[in-house]
Each structure stands twice: as structure tokens, then as C-alpha cells.
Amino acid sequence: MSANLSRVLCVVVLLLSSCGYRTPTETRFKNVCDIKLPKGTTVLKDHYIEAGKEYGIRYNLQLTNDGMKEFTQCIRESKDFSTAQMATNEKWIQKGNGYSFYLAKDNIFHQVEVDTISRTIFYIEQG
């Protein structure tokens, strides 16, 4: 029993590890930006690129009118928000038709562009 069981477990572990599990969009966004995506957010595009040890994640999100209002309110209430165009410590800044977010941590670069007119969010992560 133990020999067969260990073979089955090895196969299961190999299959699961090769599935390419990735953190869900909503969880990743919340962990990076410290803002939860509103209900009703639609993922328009979700693209993952892997090249050896480096990777890139890009996705576009569409928010409802109410979702965008809720989201921009969360940005403005964030401890990481600034209205200055060249903020140094803040991660969220207001610019143009929306907001931008920048974070470089542990050799991973994160960028978010929010367009409040089209109610879209463009997320980039490169590591």
C-alpha cells in the first residue's frame, strides 16, 4: 500500500505543481495596492508571460460607474495617496484623467493606471 500510495502522491504533486497556479487577479491587486476591487469589476484582459526567472503580468479591468466611485474614494482615503505630481513616498498619485500607482519591492515592479472617464484599470507587474 505505501509504495503505491507514494507513487500516486508523487504523480498528484507533479500534476499540481505543473498546473501553473497563479494568485487570482482580485487577491493580487489587493495585496499589492492595499485596495480591494469593487464588486462588478470585469477582467477584460489577463496576460501572463514567463521567460526563465522573469515574468510579466498585465491585465485590464473595467469598473461600473458605482464601482469607479467606490474605487476612487478608496484611493483618496489611502495612506499612500498624494495629489503631488512627483510624490516621493506616496504610491498613488492623481494625474490627468485618473490615478497612477507605482511600487518597486523585492525586485518586482508594479504599475497601475486608472482612467476615471473610461472606468478602466491597467495593471502591470514585472519580476
C-alpha atoms as a PDB file:
ATOM      1  CA  MET A   1       0.000   0.000   0.000  1.00  0.00           C
ATOM      2  CA  SER A   2       2.682   2.502   0.931  1.00  0.00           C
ATOM      3  CA  ALA A   3       4.620   2.060  -2.332  1.00  0.00           C
ATOM      4  CA  ASN A   4       1.505   2.547  -4.457  1.00  0.00           C
ATOM      5  CA  LEU A   5       0.306   5.405  -2.283  1.00  0.00           C
ATOM      6  CA  SER A   6       3.638   7.215  -2.509  1.00  0.00           C
ATOM      7  CA  ARG A   7       3.623   6.814  -6.321  1.00  0.00           C
ATOM      8  CA  VAL A   8       0.128   8.244  -6.525  1.00  0.00           C
ATOM      9  CA  LEU A   9       1.099  11.141  -4.254  1.00  0.00           C
ATOM     10  CA  CYS A  10       4.175  11.875  -6.372  1.00  0.00           C
ATOM     11  CA  VAL A  11       2.058  11.976  -9.532  1.00  0.00           C
ATOM     12  CA  VAL A  12      -0.525  14.231  -7.871  1.00  0.00           C
ATOM     13  CA  VAL A  13       2.170  16.616  -6.615  1.00  0.00           C
ATOM     14  CA  LEU A  14       3.800  16.755 -10.052  1.00  0.00           C
ATOM     15  CA  LEU A  15       0.485  17.430 -11.744  1.00  0.00           C
ATOM     16  CA  LEU A  16      -0.469  20.165  -9.316  1.00  0.00           C
ATOM     17  CA  SER A  17       2.929  21.832  -9.487  1.00  0.00           C
ATOM     18  CA  SER A  18       2.814  21.911 -13.276  1.00  0.00           C
ATOM     19  CA  CYS A  19      -0.659  23.474 -13.414  1.00  0.00           C
ATOM     20  CA  GLY A  20       0.835  26.964 -13.246  1.00  0.00           C
ATOM     21  CA  TYR A  21      -1.346  28.152 -10.400  1.00  0.00           C
ATOM     22  CA  ARG A  22      -1.375  31.916 -10.160  1.00  0.00           C
ATOM     23  CA  THR A  23      -2.769  34.212  -7.498  1.00  0.00           C
ATOM     24  CA  PRO A  24      -6.234  35.431  -8.595  1.00  0.00           C
ATOM     25  CA  THR A  25      -6.448  38.968 -10.011  1.00  0.00           C
ATOM     26  CA  GLU A  26      -8.510  40.355  -7.132  1.00  0.00           C
ATOM     27  CA  THR A  27      -6.190  38.920  -4.473  1.00  0.00           C
ATOM     28  CA  ARG A  28      -3.036  40.077  -6.253  1.00  0.00           C
ATOM     29  CA  PHE A  29      -4.417  43.603  -6.676  1.00  0.00           C
ATOM     30  CA  LYS A  30      -5.453  43.841  -3.006  1.00  0.00           C
ATOM     31  CA  ASN A  31      -2.073  42.527  -1.797  1.00  0.00           C
ATOM     32  CA  VAL A  32      -0.091  44.978  -3.950  1.00  0.00           C
ATOM     33  CA  CYS A  33      -2.229  48.137  -3.864  1.00  0.00           C
ATOM     34  CA  ASP A  34      -3.918  47.651  -0.495  1.00  0.00           C
ATOM     35  CA  ILE A  35      -7.274  48.433  -2.131  1.00  0.00           C
ATOM     36  CA  LYS A  36      -9.983  45.891  -2.791  1.00  0.00           C
ATOM     37  CA  LEU A  37     -11.505  45.846  -6.268  1.00  0.00           C
ATOM     38  CA  PRO A  38     -15.224  46.721  -6.174  1.00  0.00           C
ATOM     39  CA  LYS A  39     -17.936  44.161  -6.905  1.00  0.00           C
ATOM     40  CA  GLY A  40     -18.887  44.065 -10.546  1.00  0.00           C
ATOM     41  CA  THR A  41     -15.305  44.503 -11.782  1.00  0.00           C
ATOM     42  CA  THR A  42     -14.838  42.798 -15.143  1.00  0.00           C
ATOM     43  CA  VAL A  43     -11.483  41.404 -16.263  1.00  0.00           C
ATOM     44  CA  LEU A  44     -11.147  42.467 -19.910  1.00  0.00           C
ATOM     45  CA  LYS A  45      -7.677  41.057 -20.455  1.00  0.00           C
ATOM     46  CA  ASP A  46      -5.400  38.901 -18.308  1.00  0.00           C
ATOM     47  CA  HIS A  47      -1.993  38.116 -19.776  1.00  0.00           C
ATOM     48  CA  TYR A  48       0.895  36.212 -18.180  1.00  0.00           C
ATOM     49  CA  ILE A  49       4.350  35.998 -19.755  1.00  0.00           C
ATOM     50  CA  GLU A  50       7.186  33.874 -18.408  1.00  0.00           C
ATOM     51  CA  ALA A  51      10.776  33.983 -19.614  1.00  0.00           C
ATOM     52  CA  GLY A  52      13.055  31.909 -17.417  1.00  0.00           C
ATOM     53  CA  LYS A  53      13.211  33.504 -13.981  1.00  0.00           C
ATOM     54  CA  GLU A  54      11.457  36.674 -15.161  1.00  0.00           C
ATOM     55  CA  TYR A  55       7.743  37.108 -15.642  1.00  0.00           C
ATOM     56  CA  GLY A  56       5.192  39.716 -16.527  1.00  0.00           C
ATOM     57  CA  ILE A  57       1.524  40.050 -15.655  1.00  0.00           C
ATOM     58  CA  ARG A  58      -0.742  42.528 -17.379  1.00  0.00           C
ATOM     59  CA  TYR A  59      -4.440  42.916 -17.096  1.00  0.00           C
ATOM     60  CA  ASN A  60      -7.146  45.386 -17.956  1.00  0.00           C
ATOM     61  CA  LEU A  61     -10.175  45.795 -15.739  1.00  0.00           C
ATOM     62  CA  GLN A  62     -13.498  47.516 -16.339  1.00  0.00           C
ATOM     63  CA  LEU A  63     -15.458  49.029 -13.458  1.00  0.00           C
ATOM     64  CA  THR A  64     -19.090  50.066 -13.264  1.00  0.00           C
ATOM     65  CA  ASN A  65     -19.960  53.722 -12.571  1.00  0.00           C
ATOM     66  CA  ASP A  66     -20.607  52.960  -8.910  1.00  0.00           C
ATOM     67  CA  GLY A  67     -17.529  50.748  -8.772  1.00  0.00           C
ATOM     68  CA  MET A  68     -15.314  53.576 -10.043  1.00  0.00           C
ATOM     69  CA  LYS A  69     -16.770  55.998  -7.491  1.00  0.00           C
ATOM     70  CA  GLU A  70     -16.094  53.493  -4.708  1.00  0.00           C
ATOM     71  CA  PHE A  71     -12.606  52.740  -6.029  1.00  0.00           C
ATOM     72  CA  THR A  72     -11.513  56.389  -6.367  1.00  0.00           C
ATOM     73  CA  GLN A  73     -12.832  57.087  -2.875  1.00  0.00           C
ATOM     74  CA  CYS A  74     -10.615  54.268  -1.560  1.00  0.00           C
ATOM     75  CA  ILE A  75      -7.612  55.750  -3.404  1.00  0.00           C
ATOM     76  CA  ARG A  76      -8.194  59.214  -1.939  1.00  0.00           C
ATOM     77  CA  GLU A  77      -8.548  57.744   1.562  1.00  0.00           C
ATOM     78  CA  SER A  78      -5.412  55.611   1.185  1.00  0.00           C
ATOM     79  CA  LYS A  79      -2.396  56.437   3.354  1.00  0.00           C
ATOM     80  CA  ASP A  80      -0.333  56.103   0.158  1.00  0.00           C
ATOM     81  CA  PHE A  81      -2.173  58.843  -1.793  1.00  0.00           C
ATOM     82  CA  SER A  82      -0.832  62.249  -2.836  1.00  0.00           C
ATOM     83  CA  THR A  83      -2.102  64.978  -5.154  1.00  0.00           C
ATOM     84  CA  ALA A  84       1.510  65.970  -5.953  1.00  0.00           C
ATOM     85  CA  GLN A  85       2.639  65.055  -9.470  1.00  0.00           C
ATOM     86  CA  MET A  86       6.101  63.976  -8.316  1.00  0.00           C
ATOM     87  CA  ALA A  87       5.367  62.410  -4.947  1.00  0.00           C
ATOM     88  CA  THR A  88       8.309  60.587  -3.431  1.00  0.00           C
ATOM     89  CA  ASN A  89       6.907  58.361  -0.690  1.00  0.00           C
ATOM     90  CA  GLU A  90       3.340  58.009  -1.872  1.00  0.00           C
ATOM     91  CA  LYS A  91       2.404  55.177  -4.181  1.00  0.00           C
ATOM     92  CA  TRP A  92      -0.886  56.611  -5.504  1.00  0.00           C
ATOM     93  CA  ILE A  93      -0.804  59.958  -7.306  1.00  0.00           C
ATOM     94  CA  GLN A  94      -3.515  61.852  -9.123  1.00  0.00           C
ATOM     95  CA  LYS A  95      -2.768  62.769 -12.719  1.00  0.00           C
ATOM     96  CA  GLY A  96      -4.635  63.531 -15.906  1.00  0.00           C
ATOM     97  CA  ASN A  97      -7.921  61.666 -16.096  1.00  0.00           C
ATOM     98  CA  GLY A  98      -7.250  59.440 -13.136  1.00  0.00           C
ATOM     99  CA  TYR A  99      -4.623  57.996 -10.875  1.00  0.00           C
ATOM    100  CA  SER A 100      -1.308  56.163 -11.089  1.00  0.00           C
ATOM    101  CA  PHE A 101       0.298  53.714  -8.691  1.00  0.00           C
ATOM    102  CA  TYR A 102       3.985  52.753  -8.617  1.00  0.00           C
ATOM    103  CA  LEU A 103       5.745  50.273  -6.372  1.00  0.00           C
ATOM    104  CA  ALA A 104       9.118  48.553  -6.667  1.00  0.00           C
ATOM    105  CA  LYS A 105       9.673  45.937  -3.982  1.00  0.00           C
ATOM    106  CA  ASP A 106      11.802  42.794  -3.800  1.00  0.00           C
ATOM    107  CA  ASN A 107      12.901  43.222  -7.446  1.00  0.00           C
ATOM    108  CA  ILE A 108       9.269  43.303  -8.591  1.00  0.00           C
ATOM    109  CA  PHE A 109       7.882  46.404 -10.293  1.00  0.00           C
ATOM    110  CA  HIS A 110       4.159  47.226 -10.079  1.00  0.00           C
ATOM    111  CA  GLN A 111       2.341  49.908 -12.035  1.00  0.00           C
ATOM    112  CA  VAL A 112      -1.379  50.709 -12.122  1.00  0.00           C
ATOM    113  CA  GLU A 113      -3.052  53.286 -14.346  1.00  0.00           C
ATOM    114  CA  VAL A 114      -6.654  54.242 -13.566  1.00  0.00           C
ATOM    115  CA  ASP A 115      -8.727  56.128 -16.140  1.00  0.00           C
ATOM    116  CA  THR A 116     -11.802  57.510 -14.397  1.00  0.00           C
ATOM    117  CA  ILE A 117     -13.500  58.557 -17.648  1.00  0.00           C
ATOM    118  CA  SER A 118     -13.376  55.141 -19.339  1.00  0.00           C
ATOM    119  CA  ARG A 119     -13.610  53.431 -15.886  1.00  0.00           C
ATOM    120  CA  THR A 120     -10.659  51.178 -16.704  1.00  0.00           C
ATOM    121  CA  ILE A 121      -7.669  49.965 -14.720  1.00  0.00           C
ATOM    122  CA  PHE A 122      -4.447  48.796 -16.388  1.00  0.00           C
ATOM    123  CA  TYR A 123      -2.182  46.687 -14.139  1.00  0.00           C
ATOM    124  CA  ILE A 124       1.428  45.694 -14.876  1.00  0.00           C
ATOM    125  CA  GLU A 125       3.684  43.533 -12.726  1.00  0.00           C
ATOM    126  CA  GLN A 126       7.200  42.565 -13.767  1.00  0.00           C
ATOM    127  CA  GLY A 127       9.616  40.456 -11.831  1.00  0.00           C
END
